C-alpha cells in the first residue's frame, strides 16, 4: 500500500511539473514597453563582445547588453562567442585550454574590424567599467555538454559587483536546470534554435524563452501565455521584424540594429 501511494504521488508530481507549471516571479521587463538588447554590443565601430562595443551600445541608448561568456583554464570569465581563438582573433588554440595571461597579446576583430582590433575583455573589467545601471543578458557558451565551469565564478562575480538586473541564458538546458536548482533567485533564459528542443522548456522551467525569431508563431505565443513566460527573440534587425514583435507583444528583442533607428518605428 505504501509503495502504491509513493508511486501515485510520484506520477502526480511528475505530471504537475510537466503540464501545470507557470513562471511566478516578476519579470525584469517593463510591461508597457519593449526591451531591446544590444547583441554582443554595438558592433558598427568595434568588434563584438569587446568593451568598446558595449560602451558604444550604452552611448546609443541601450540599457540591456547581450554578451557571451567563456572561461579560461585558470577560471577567469572572458567575453567571447567562440572558444576557438582562430575564428575571430590573431591567437591560436582554445580559450578553455590556456591561462588568462596568454590572452594579453590576443586581439579580436581581425576579419570584421581589421583596422580597429581590440583585446578580449574580462567580464569583471566590463562590469566595473560600464555604468551600474546597465542590465545584462549573460549567455553562457559551452565547450562540452556538461561543462558548468562558468556558473560558479559568474555567480561570485554577480555577488561581488552587486549586479541587480540580469538574465543568465544558454542553449544548454542542463545549465538552466543547474541554475534553477542551486540558484533559484536567478532569472534564466533558455535559448532555442530549433523547435525540436522546445520540449526541454516544460522540464527546466526558465523565466524567459529566447527562440530564434523565425520560430515564433501562434503556438509559441500561446505557450508563453499559458505558462506566463516572457519571450526574447534573436536576432531581429529589420524594421518590419521589430514592428511585428511590437504588434505581437514580444517584449524582449535582441538586435544588431541601432537603438535610435528602432525608436522611430
C-alpha atoms as a PDB file:
ATOM      1  CA  UNK A   1       0.000   0.000   0.000  1.00  0.00           C
ATOM      2  CA  UNK A   2       2.804   2.411   0.854  1.00  0.00           C
ATOM      3  CA  UNK A   3       4.543   1.549  -2.399  1.00  0.00           C
ATOM      4  CA  UNK A   4       1.378   2.313  -4.366  1.00  0.00           C
ATOM      5  CA  UNK A   5       0.914   5.614  -2.547  1.00  0.00           C
ATOM      6  CA  UNK A   6       4.514   6.617  -3.305  1.00  0.00           C
ATOM      7  CA  UNK A   7       4.149   5.621  -6.955  1.00  0.00           C
ATOM      8  CA  UNK A   8       0.918   7.585  -7.382  1.00  0.00           C
ATOM      9  CA  UNK A   9       2.459  10.593  -5.615  1.00  0.00           C
ATOM     10  CA  UNK A  10       5.468  10.444  -7.906  1.00  0.00           C
ATOM     11  CA  UNK A  11       3.263  10.361 -11.004  1.00  0.00           C
ATOM     12  CA  UNK A  12       1.198  13.256  -9.675  1.00  0.00           C
ATOM     13  CA  UNK A  13       4.293  15.392  -9.066  1.00  0.00           C
ATOM     14  CA  UNK A  14       5.709  14.481 -12.473  1.00  0.00           C
ATOM     15  CA  UNK A  15       2.518  15.380 -14.316  1.00  0.00           C
ATOM     16  CA  UNK A  16       2.144  18.614 -12.396  1.00  0.00           C
ATOM     17  CA  UNK A  17       5.762  19.573 -13.082  1.00  0.00           C
ATOM     18  CA  UNK A  18       5.405  18.886 -16.807  1.00  0.00           C
ATOM     19  CA  UNK A  19       1.966  20.265 -17.617  1.00  0.00           C
ATOM     20  CA  UNK A  20       0.875  22.686 -14.906  1.00  0.00           C
ATOM     21  CA  UNK A  21       3.816  24.989 -14.376  1.00  0.00           C
ATOM     22  CA  UNK A  22       3.873  28.780 -14.560  1.00  0.00           C
ATOM     23  CA  UNK A  23       6.545  31.383 -14.085  1.00  0.00           C
ATOM     24  CA  UNK A  24       5.546  33.154 -10.878  1.00  0.00           C
ATOM     25  CA  UNK A  25       8.495  35.521 -10.455  1.00  0.00           C
ATOM     26  CA  UNK A  26       8.077  39.140 -11.521  1.00  0.00           C
ATOM     27  CA  UNK A  27       9.526  39.949 -14.930  1.00  0.00           C
ATOM     28  CA  UNK A  28      12.512  42.268 -15.317  1.00  0.00           C
ATOM     29  CA  UNK A  29      10.861  43.780 -18.394  1.00  0.00           C
ATOM     30  CA  UNK A  30       8.637  46.813 -18.299  1.00  0.00           C
ATOM     31  CA  UNK A  31       5.033  45.881 -19.077  1.00  0.00           C
ATOM     32  CA  UNK A  32       4.374  48.902 -21.268  1.00  0.00           C
ATOM     33  CA  UNK A  33       7.466  48.932 -23.470  1.00  0.00           C
ATOM     34  CA  UNK A  34       9.760  46.658 -25.431  1.00  0.00           C
ATOM     35  CA  UNK A  35      13.205  45.775 -24.132  1.00  0.00           C
ATOM     36  CA  UNK A  36      15.968  45.998 -26.732  1.00  0.00           C
ATOM     37  CA  UNK A  37      19.215  44.151 -26.075  1.00  0.00           C
ATOM     38  CA  UNK A  38      22.390  45.036 -27.945  1.00  0.00           C
ATOM     39  CA  UNK A  39      23.540  41.766 -29.493  1.00  0.00           C
ATOM     40  CA  UNK A  40      27.180  41.349 -28.402  1.00  0.00           C
ATOM     41  CA  UNK A  41      27.292  45.107 -28.015  1.00  0.00           C
ATOM     42  CA  UNK A  42      27.049  47.675 -30.794  1.00  0.00           C
ATOM     43  CA  UNK A  43      29.381  46.378 -33.491  1.00  0.00           C
ATOM     44  CA  UNK A  44      29.371  49.095 -36.140  1.00  0.00           C
ATOM     45  CA  UNK A  45      32.669  50.593 -34.988  1.00  0.00           C
ATOM     46  CA  UNK A  46      34.205  47.917 -32.749  1.00  0.00           C
ATOM     47  CA  UNK A  47      34.388  44.104 -32.750  1.00  0.00           C
ATOM     48  CA  UNK A  48      31.648  42.141 -30.989  1.00  0.00           C
ATOM     49  CA  UNK A  49      31.946  41.239 -27.315  1.00  0.00           C
ATOM     50  CA  UNK A  50      34.524  43.937 -26.623  1.00  0.00           C
ATOM     51  CA  UNK A  51      34.453  46.667 -24.021  1.00  0.00           C
ATOM     52  CA  UNK A  52      34.284  49.241 -26.815  1.00  0.00           C
ATOM     53  CA  UNK A  53      31.241  47.581 -28.420  1.00  0.00           C
ATOM     54  CA  UNK A  54      29.453  47.548 -25.069  1.00  0.00           C
ATOM     55  CA  UNK A  55      30.313  51.205 -24.447  1.00  0.00           C
ATOM     56  CA  UNK A  56      29.023  52.116 -27.917  1.00  0.00           C
ATOM     57  CA  UNK A  57      25.755  50.329 -27.149  1.00  0.00           C
ATOM     58  CA  UNK A  58      25.318  52.366 -23.974  1.00  0.00           C
ATOM     59  CA  UNK A  59      26.144  55.603 -25.810  1.00  0.00           C
ATOM     60  CA  UNK A  60      23.472  54.888 -28.422  1.00  0.00           C
ATOM     61  CA  UNK A  61      20.797  54.340 -25.792  1.00  0.00           C
ATOM     62  CA  UNK A  62      20.742  50.634 -24.955  1.00  0.00           C
ATOM     63  CA  UNK A  63      20.043  49.706 -21.341  1.00  0.00           C
ATOM     64  CA  UNK A  64      20.440  45.960 -21.937  1.00  0.00           C
ATOM     65  CA  UNK A  65      23.525  44.228 -23.333  1.00  0.00           C
ATOM     66  CA  UNK A  66      23.705  40.631 -24.522  1.00  0.00           C
ATOM     67  CA  UNK A  67      27.207  39.195 -24.190  1.00  0.00           C
ATOM     68  CA  UNK A  68      28.830  35.771 -24.494  1.00  0.00           C
ATOM     69  CA  UNK A  69      30.890  34.176 -21.730  1.00  0.00           C
ATOM     70  CA  UNK A  70      33.618  31.528 -21.716  1.00  0.00           C
ATOM     71  CA  UNK A  71      36.240  30.607 -19.117  1.00  0.00           C
ATOM     72  CA  UNK A  72      39.977  30.195 -19.345  1.00  0.00           C
ATOM     73  CA  UNK A  73      41.865  27.263 -17.874  1.00  0.00           C
ATOM     74  CA  UNK A  74      42.521  29.282 -14.713  1.00  0.00           C
ATOM     75  CA  UNK A  75      38.822  30.068 -14.263  1.00  0.00           C
ATOM     76  CA  UNK A  76      38.634  33.684 -15.490  1.00  0.00           C
ATOM     77  CA  UNK A  77      35.498  34.667 -17.406  1.00  0.00           C
ATOM     78  CA  UNK A  78      36.205  36.160 -20.824  1.00  0.00           C
ATOM     79  CA  UNK A  79      33.728  37.816 -23.183  1.00  0.00           C
ATOM     80  CA  UNK A  80      33.867  35.805 -26.385  1.00  0.00           C
ATOM     81  CA  UNK A  81      31.430  33.978 -28.638  1.00  0.00           C
ATOM     82  CA  UNK A  82      33.972  31.301 -29.521  1.00  0.00           C
ATOM     83  CA  UNK A  83      36.406  29.081 -27.664  1.00  0.00           C
ATOM     84  CA  UNK A  84      38.449  28.702 -30.852  1.00  0.00           C
ATOM     85  CA  UNK A  85      40.764  31.716 -30.999  1.00  0.00           C
ATOM     86  CA  UNK A  86      41.372  31.287 -34.721  1.00  0.00           C
ATOM     87  CA  UNK A  87      37.734  32.090 -35.533  1.00  0.00           C
ATOM     88  CA  UNK A  88      38.000  35.822 -34.805  1.00  0.00           C
ATOM     89  CA  UNK A  89      41.413  36.622 -33.318  1.00  0.00           C
ATOM     90  CA  UNK A  90      45.101  36.568 -34.135  1.00  0.00           C
ATOM     91  CA  UNK A  91      45.628  33.907 -31.466  1.00  0.00           C
ATOM     92  CA  UNK A  92      45.801  30.132 -31.721  1.00  0.00           C
ATOM     93  CA  UNK A  93      44.288  27.336 -29.697  1.00  0.00           C
ATOM     94  CA  UNK A  94      41.256  27.236 -27.434  1.00  0.00           C
ATOM     95  CA  UNK A  95      40.442  29.688 -24.651  1.00  0.00           C
ATOM     96  CA  UNK A  96      39.499  26.931 -22.223  1.00  0.00           C
ATOM     97  CA  UNK A  97      42.932  25.316 -22.694  1.00  0.00           C
ATOM     98  CA  UNK A  98      45.042  28.375 -21.835  1.00  0.00           C
ATOM     99  CA  UNK A  99      45.568  30.688 -18.868  1.00  0.00           C
ATOM    100  CA  UNK A 100      44.369  34.284 -18.951  1.00  0.00           C
ATOM    101  CA  UNK A 101      47.909  35.671 -19.249  1.00  0.00           C
ATOM    102  CA  UNK A 102      48.188  34.044 -22.692  1.00  0.00           C
ATOM    103  CA  UNK A 103      45.419  36.364 -23.935  1.00  0.00           C
ATOM    104  CA  UNK A 104      47.348  39.564 -23.182  1.00  0.00           C
ATOM    105  CA  UNK A 105      48.507  39.974 -26.769  1.00  0.00           C
ATOM    106  CA  UNK A 106      45.485  38.466 -28.490  1.00  0.00           C
ATOM    107  CA  UNK A 107      43.283  40.817 -30.498  1.00  0.00           C
ATOM    108  CA  UNK A 108      39.791  40.148 -31.802  1.00  0.00           C
ATOM    109  CA  UNK A 109      38.042  41.554 -34.877  1.00  0.00           C
ATOM    110  CA  UNK A 110      40.827  40.707 -37.321  1.00  0.00           C
ATOM    111  CA  UNK A 111      38.253  39.909 -40.005  1.00  0.00           C
ATOM    112  CA  UNK A 112      35.389  42.249 -39.136  1.00  0.00           C
ATOM    113  CA  UNK A 113      37.402  45.285 -37.953  1.00  0.00           C
ATOM    114  CA  UNK A 114      40.979  44.783 -39.210  1.00  0.00           C
ATOM    115  CA  UNK A 115      41.847  48.440 -38.619  1.00  0.00           C
ATOM    116  CA  UNK A 116      40.359  48.517 -35.137  1.00  0.00           C
ATOM    117  CA  UNK A 117      41.108  45.219 -33.412  1.00  0.00           C
ATOM    118  CA  UNK A 118      40.573  45.023 -29.659  1.00  0.00           C
ATOM    119  CA  UNK A 119      41.578  42.784 -26.725  1.00  0.00           C
ATOM    120  CA  UNK A 120      39.264  40.104 -25.422  1.00  0.00           C
ATOM    121  CA  UNK A 121      37.904  41.661 -22.226  1.00  0.00           C
ATOM    122  CA  UNK A 122      37.473  40.014 -18.865  1.00  0.00           C
ATOM    123  CA  UNK A 123      33.884  40.147 -17.711  1.00  0.00           C
ATOM    124  CA  UNK A 124      34.966  41.711 -14.425  1.00  0.00           C
ATOM    125  CA  UNK A 125      36.599  44.594 -16.309  1.00  0.00           C
ATOM    126  CA  UNK A 126      33.453  45.112 -18.364  1.00  0.00           C
ATOM    127  CA  UNK A 127      31.183  45.229 -15.312  1.00  0.00           C
ATOM    128  CA  UNK A 128      33.486  47.565 -13.402  1.00  0.00           C
ATOM    129  CA  UNK A 129      33.773  49.917 -16.399  1.00  0.00           C
ATOM    130  CA  UNK A 130      30.164  50.174 -17.527  1.00  0.00           C
ATOM    131  CA  UNK A 131      27.569  52.180 -15.552  1.00  0.00           C
ATOM    132  CA  UNK A 132      25.858  50.439 -12.645  1.00  0.00           C
ATOM    133  CA  UNK A 133      22.512  50.963 -14.373  1.00  0.00           C
ATOM    134  CA  UNK A 134      23.353  48.553 -17.201  1.00  0.00           C
ATOM    135  CA  UNK A 135      21.268  45.358 -17.424  1.00  0.00           C
ATOM    136  CA  UNK A 136      22.886  42.182 -18.706  1.00  0.00           C
ATOM    137  CA  UNK A 137      21.888  39.110 -20.630  1.00  0.00           C
ATOM    138  CA  UNK A 138      24.799  36.792 -19.838  1.00  0.00           C
ATOM    139  CA  UNK A 139      24.921  33.973 -22.386  1.00  0.00           C
ATOM    140  CA  UNK A 140      26.984  31.028 -21.179  1.00  0.00           C
ATOM    141  CA  UNK A 141      28.787  29.258 -24.005  1.00  0.00           C
ATOM    142  CA  UNK A 142      29.820  25.657 -23.513  1.00  0.00           C
ATOM    143  CA  UNK A 143      32.655  23.531 -24.818  1.00  0.00           C
ATOM    144  CA  UNK A 144      31.068  20.255 -23.723  1.00  0.00           C
ATOM    145  CA  UNK A 145      27.501  19.317 -22.784  1.00  0.00           C
ATOM    146  CA  UNK A 146      28.290  19.035 -19.091  1.00  0.00           C
ATOM    147  CA  UNK A 147      30.659  21.981 -18.924  1.00  0.00           C
ATOM    148  CA  UNK A 148      29.436  24.023 -15.950  1.00  0.00           C
ATOM    149  CA  UNK A 149      32.709  25.867 -15.346  1.00  0.00           C
ATOM    150  CA  UNK A 150      31.261  29.350 -15.884  1.00  0.00           C
ATOM    151  CA  UNK A 151      28.459  29.088 -13.332  1.00  0.00           C
ATOM    152  CA  UNK A 152      30.291  29.437 -10.014  1.00  0.00           C
ATOM    153  CA  UNK A 153      32.704  32.246 -10.998  1.00  0.00           C
ATOM    154  CA  UNK A 154      29.830  34.091 -12.672  1.00  0.00           C
ATOM    155  CA  UNK A 155      27.638  33.874  -9.584  1.00  0.00           C
ATOM    156  CA  UNK A 156      30.545  35.007  -7.400  1.00  0.00           C
ATOM    157  CA  UNK A 157      31.161  37.978  -9.695  1.00  0.00           C
ATOM    158  CA  UNK A 158      27.478  38.946  -9.735  1.00  0.00           C
ATOM    159  CA  UNK A 159      27.506  38.935  -5.936  1.00  0.00           C
ATOM    160  CA  UNK A 160      30.787  40.855  -5.637  1.00  0.00           C
ATOM    161  CA  UNK A 161      29.764  43.543  -8.115  1.00  0.00           C
ATOM    162  CA  UNK A 162      26.174  43.684  -6.805  1.00  0.00           C
ATOM    163  CA  UNK A 163      24.576  43.355 -10.220  1.00  0.00           C
ATOM    164  CA  UNK A 164      20.822  43.708  -9.863  1.00  0.00           C
ATOM    165  CA  UNK A 165      19.212  43.299 -13.284  1.00  0.00           C
ATOM    166  CA  UNK A 166      20.464  40.335 -15.262  1.00  0.00           C
ATOM    167  CA  UNK A 167      19.397  37.172 -17.046  1.00  0.00           C
ATOM    168  CA  UNK A 168      21.635  34.132 -17.443  1.00  0.00           C
ATOM    169  CA  UNK A 169      20.887  32.346 -20.695  1.00  0.00           C
ATOM    170  CA  UNK A 170      22.191  29.297 -22.517  1.00  0.00           C
ATOM    171  CA  UNK A 171      21.381  26.862 -25.305  1.00  0.00           C
ATOM    172  CA  UNK A 172      22.285  24.097 -22.870  1.00  0.00           C
ATOM    173  CA  UNK A 173      19.180  23.039 -20.864  1.00  0.00           C
ATOM    174  CA  UNK A 174      21.393  21.482 -18.198  1.00  0.00           C
ATOM    175  CA  UNK A 175      22.902  24.903 -17.450  1.00  0.00           C
ATOM    176  CA  UNK A 176      19.399  26.267 -16.874  1.00  0.00           C
ATOM    177  CA  UNK A 177      18.484  23.260 -14.721  1.00  0.00           C
ATOM    178  CA  UNK A 178      21.603  23.659 -12.548  1.00  0.00           C
ATOM    179  CA  UNK A 179      20.927  27.371 -12.062  1.00  0.00           C
ATOM    180  CA  UNK A 180      17.291  26.769 -11.139  1.00  0.00           C
ATOM    181  CA  UNK A 181      18.289  24.062  -8.685  1.00  0.00           C
ATOM    182  CA  UNK A 182      21.167  25.769  -6.860  1.00  0.00           C
ATOM    183  CA  UNK A 183      20.468  29.456  -7.559  1.00  0.00           C
ATOM    184  CA  UNK A 184      16.644  29.718  -7.612  1.00  0.00           C
ATOM    185  CA  UNK A 185      16.775  33.517  -7.325  1.00  0.00           C
ATOM    186  CA  UNK A 186      18.466  33.812 -10.731  1.00  0.00           C
ATOM    187  CA  UNK A 187      16.381  34.760 -13.770  1.00  0.00           C
ATOM    188  CA  UNK A 188      17.191  32.250 -16.516  1.00  0.00           C
ATOM    189  CA  UNK A 189      16.667  32.294 -20.270  1.00  0.00           C
ATOM    190  CA  UNK A 190      16.555  29.168 -22.429  1.00  0.00           C
ATOM    191  CA  UNK A 191      17.915  29.780 -25.918  1.00  0.00           C
ATOM    192  CA  UNK A 192      16.246  27.687 -28.608  1.00  0.00           C
ATOM    193  CA  UNK A 193      17.466  27.404 -32.187  1.00  0.00           C
ATOM    194  CA  UNK A 194      15.248  24.539 -33.351  1.00  0.00           C
ATOM    195  CA  UNK A 195      11.704  23.600 -32.396  1.00  0.00           C
ATOM    196  CA  UNK A 196      12.726  20.022 -31.593  1.00  0.00           C
ATOM    197  CA  UNK A 197      14.453  21.311 -28.425  1.00  0.00           C
ATOM    198  CA  UNK A 198      11.442  23.249 -27.203  1.00  0.00           C
ATOM    199  CA  UNK A 199      10.206  20.339 -25.077  1.00  0.00           C
ATOM    200  CA  UNK A 200      13.021  20.980 -22.587  1.00  0.00           C
ATOM    201  CA  UNK A 201      11.180  24.163 -21.594  1.00  0.00           C
ATOM    202  CA  UNK A 202       8.466  22.156 -19.849  1.00  0.00           C
ATOM    203  CA  UNK A 203      11.005  20.411 -17.638  1.00  0.00           C
ATOM    204  CA  UNK A 204      13.556  23.112 -16.792  1.00  0.00           C
ATOM    205  CA  UNK A 205      11.049  25.998 -16.379  1.00  0.00           C
ATOM    206  CA  UNK A 206      13.167  29.014 -17.392  1.00  0.00           C
ATOM    207  CA  UNK A 207      11.969  32.527 -16.597  1.00  0.00           C
ATOM    208  CA  UNK A 208      12.413  33.568 -20.225  1.00  0.00           C
ATOM    209  CA  UNK A 209      12.314  31.787 -23.545  1.00  0.00           C
ATOM    210  CA  UNK A 210      14.786  33.006 -26.160  1.00  0.00           C
ATOM    211  CA  UNK A 211      13.793  31.469 -29.508  1.00  0.00           C
ATOM    212  CA  UNK A 212      15.244  32.222 -32.910  1.00  0.00           C
ATOM    213  CA  UNK A 213      12.966  34.901 -34.365  1.00  0.00           C
ATOM    214  CA  UNK A 214      11.545  32.826 -37.220  1.00  0.00           C
ATOM    215  CA  UNK A 215      10.392  30.174 -34.741  1.00  0.00           C
ATOM    216  CA  UNK A 216       7.787  32.436 -33.202  1.00  0.00           C
ATOM    217  CA  UNK A 217       4.251  31.584 -34.253  1.00  0.00           C
ATOM    218  CA  UNK A 218       0.794  31.461 -32.684  1.00  0.00           C
ATOM    219  CA  UNK A 219       1.601  28.185 -30.922  1.00  0.00           C
ATOM    220  CA  UNK A 220       4.741  29.577 -29.297  1.00  0.00           C
ATOM    221  CA  UNK A 221       2.970  32.762 -28.278  1.00  0.00           C
ATOM    222  CA  UNK A 222       0.186  30.680 -26.723  1.00  0.00           C
ATOM    223  CA  UNK A 223       2.811  28.668 -24.796  1.00  0.00           C
ATOM    224  CA  UNK A 224       4.180  31.902 -23.383  1.00  0.00           C
ATOM    225  CA  UNK A 225       0.700  32.997 -22.319  1.00  0.00           C
ATOM    226  CA  UNK A 226      -0.214  29.644 -20.773  1.00  0.00           C
ATOM    227  CA  UNK A 227       2.957  29.472 -18.710  1.00  0.00           C
ATOM    228  CA  UNK A 228       3.466  33.200 -18.101  1.00  0.00           C
ATOM    229  CA  UNK A 229       6.919  33.070 -19.687  1.00  0.00           C
ATOM    230  CA  UNK A 230       8.347  36.140 -21.422  1.00  0.00           C
ATOM    231  CA  UNK A 231       9.777  35.769 -24.927  1.00  0.00           C
ATOM    232  CA  UNK A 232      13.013  37.414 -26.083  1.00  0.00           C
ATOM    233  CA  UNK A 233      13.705  36.792 -29.759  1.00  0.00           C
ATOM    234  CA  UNK A 234      17.030  36.805 -31.583  1.00  0.00           C
ATOM    235  CA  UNK A 235      18.347  38.288 -33.757  1.00  0.00           C
ATOM    236  CA  UNK A 236      15.874  40.831 -35.178  1.00  0.00           C
ATOM    237  CA  UNK A 237      17.389  43.592 -37.304  1.00  0.00           C
ATOM    238  CA  UNK A 238      14.752  44.591 -39.860  1.00  0.00           C
ATOM    239  CA  UNK A 239      12.201  47.313 -39.203  1.00  0.00           C
ATOM    240  CA  UNK A 240       9.388  45.001 -40.303  1.00  0.00           C
ATOM    241  CA  UNK A 241      10.583  42.271 -37.896  1.00  0.00           C
ATOM    242  CA  UNK A 242      10.783  44.686 -34.988  1.00  0.00           C
ATOM    243  CA  UNK A 243       7.341  46.063 -35.774  1.00  0.00           C
ATOM    244  CA  UNK A 244       5.950  42.514 -35.868  1.00  0.00           C
ATOM    245  CA  UNK A 245       7.402  41.866 -32.406  1.00  0.00           C
ATOM    246  CA  UNK A 246       5.772  45.030 -31.105  1.00  0.00           C
ATOM    247  CA  UNK A 247       2.418  44.141 -32.652  1.00  0.00           C
ATOM    248  CA  UNK A 248       2.517  40.661 -31.114  1.00  0.00           C
ATOM    249  CA  UNK A 249       3.558  41.787 -27.635  1.00  0.00           C
ATOM    250  CA  UNK A 250       7.024  40.213 -27.843  1.00  0.00           C
ATOM    251  CA  UNK A 251       8.730  42.190 -25.091  1.00  0.00           C
ATOM    252  CA  UNK A 252      12.398  41.208 -25.488  1.00  0.00           C
ATOM    253  CA  UNK A 253      14.202  41.889 -28.770  1.00  0.00           C
ATOM    254  CA  UNK A 254      17.877  41.042 -29.231  1.00  0.00           C
ATOM    255  CA  UNK A 255      19.174  43.111 -32.122  1.00  0.00           C
ATOM    256  CA  UNK A 256      22.220  44.331 -34.038  1.00  0.00           C
ATOM    257  CA  UNK A 257      20.372  47.491 -35.097  1.00  0.00           C
ATOM    258  CA  UNK A 258      20.996  50.925 -33.638  1.00  0.00           C
ATOM    259  CA  UNK A 259      18.512  51.959 -30.981  1.00  0.00           C
ATOM    260  CA  UNK A 260      17.940  55.398 -32.489  1.00  0.00           C
ATOM    261  CA  UNK A 261      16.613  53.903 -35.712  1.00  0.00           C
ATOM    262  CA  UNK A 262      14.487  51.403 -33.747  1.00  0.00           C
ATOM    263  CA  UNK A 263      12.795  54.170 -31.782  1.00  0.00           C
ATOM    264  CA  UNK A 264      11.469  55.673 -34.996  1.00  0.00           C
ATOM    265  CA  UNK A 265       9.455  52.530 -35.746  1.00  0.00           C
END
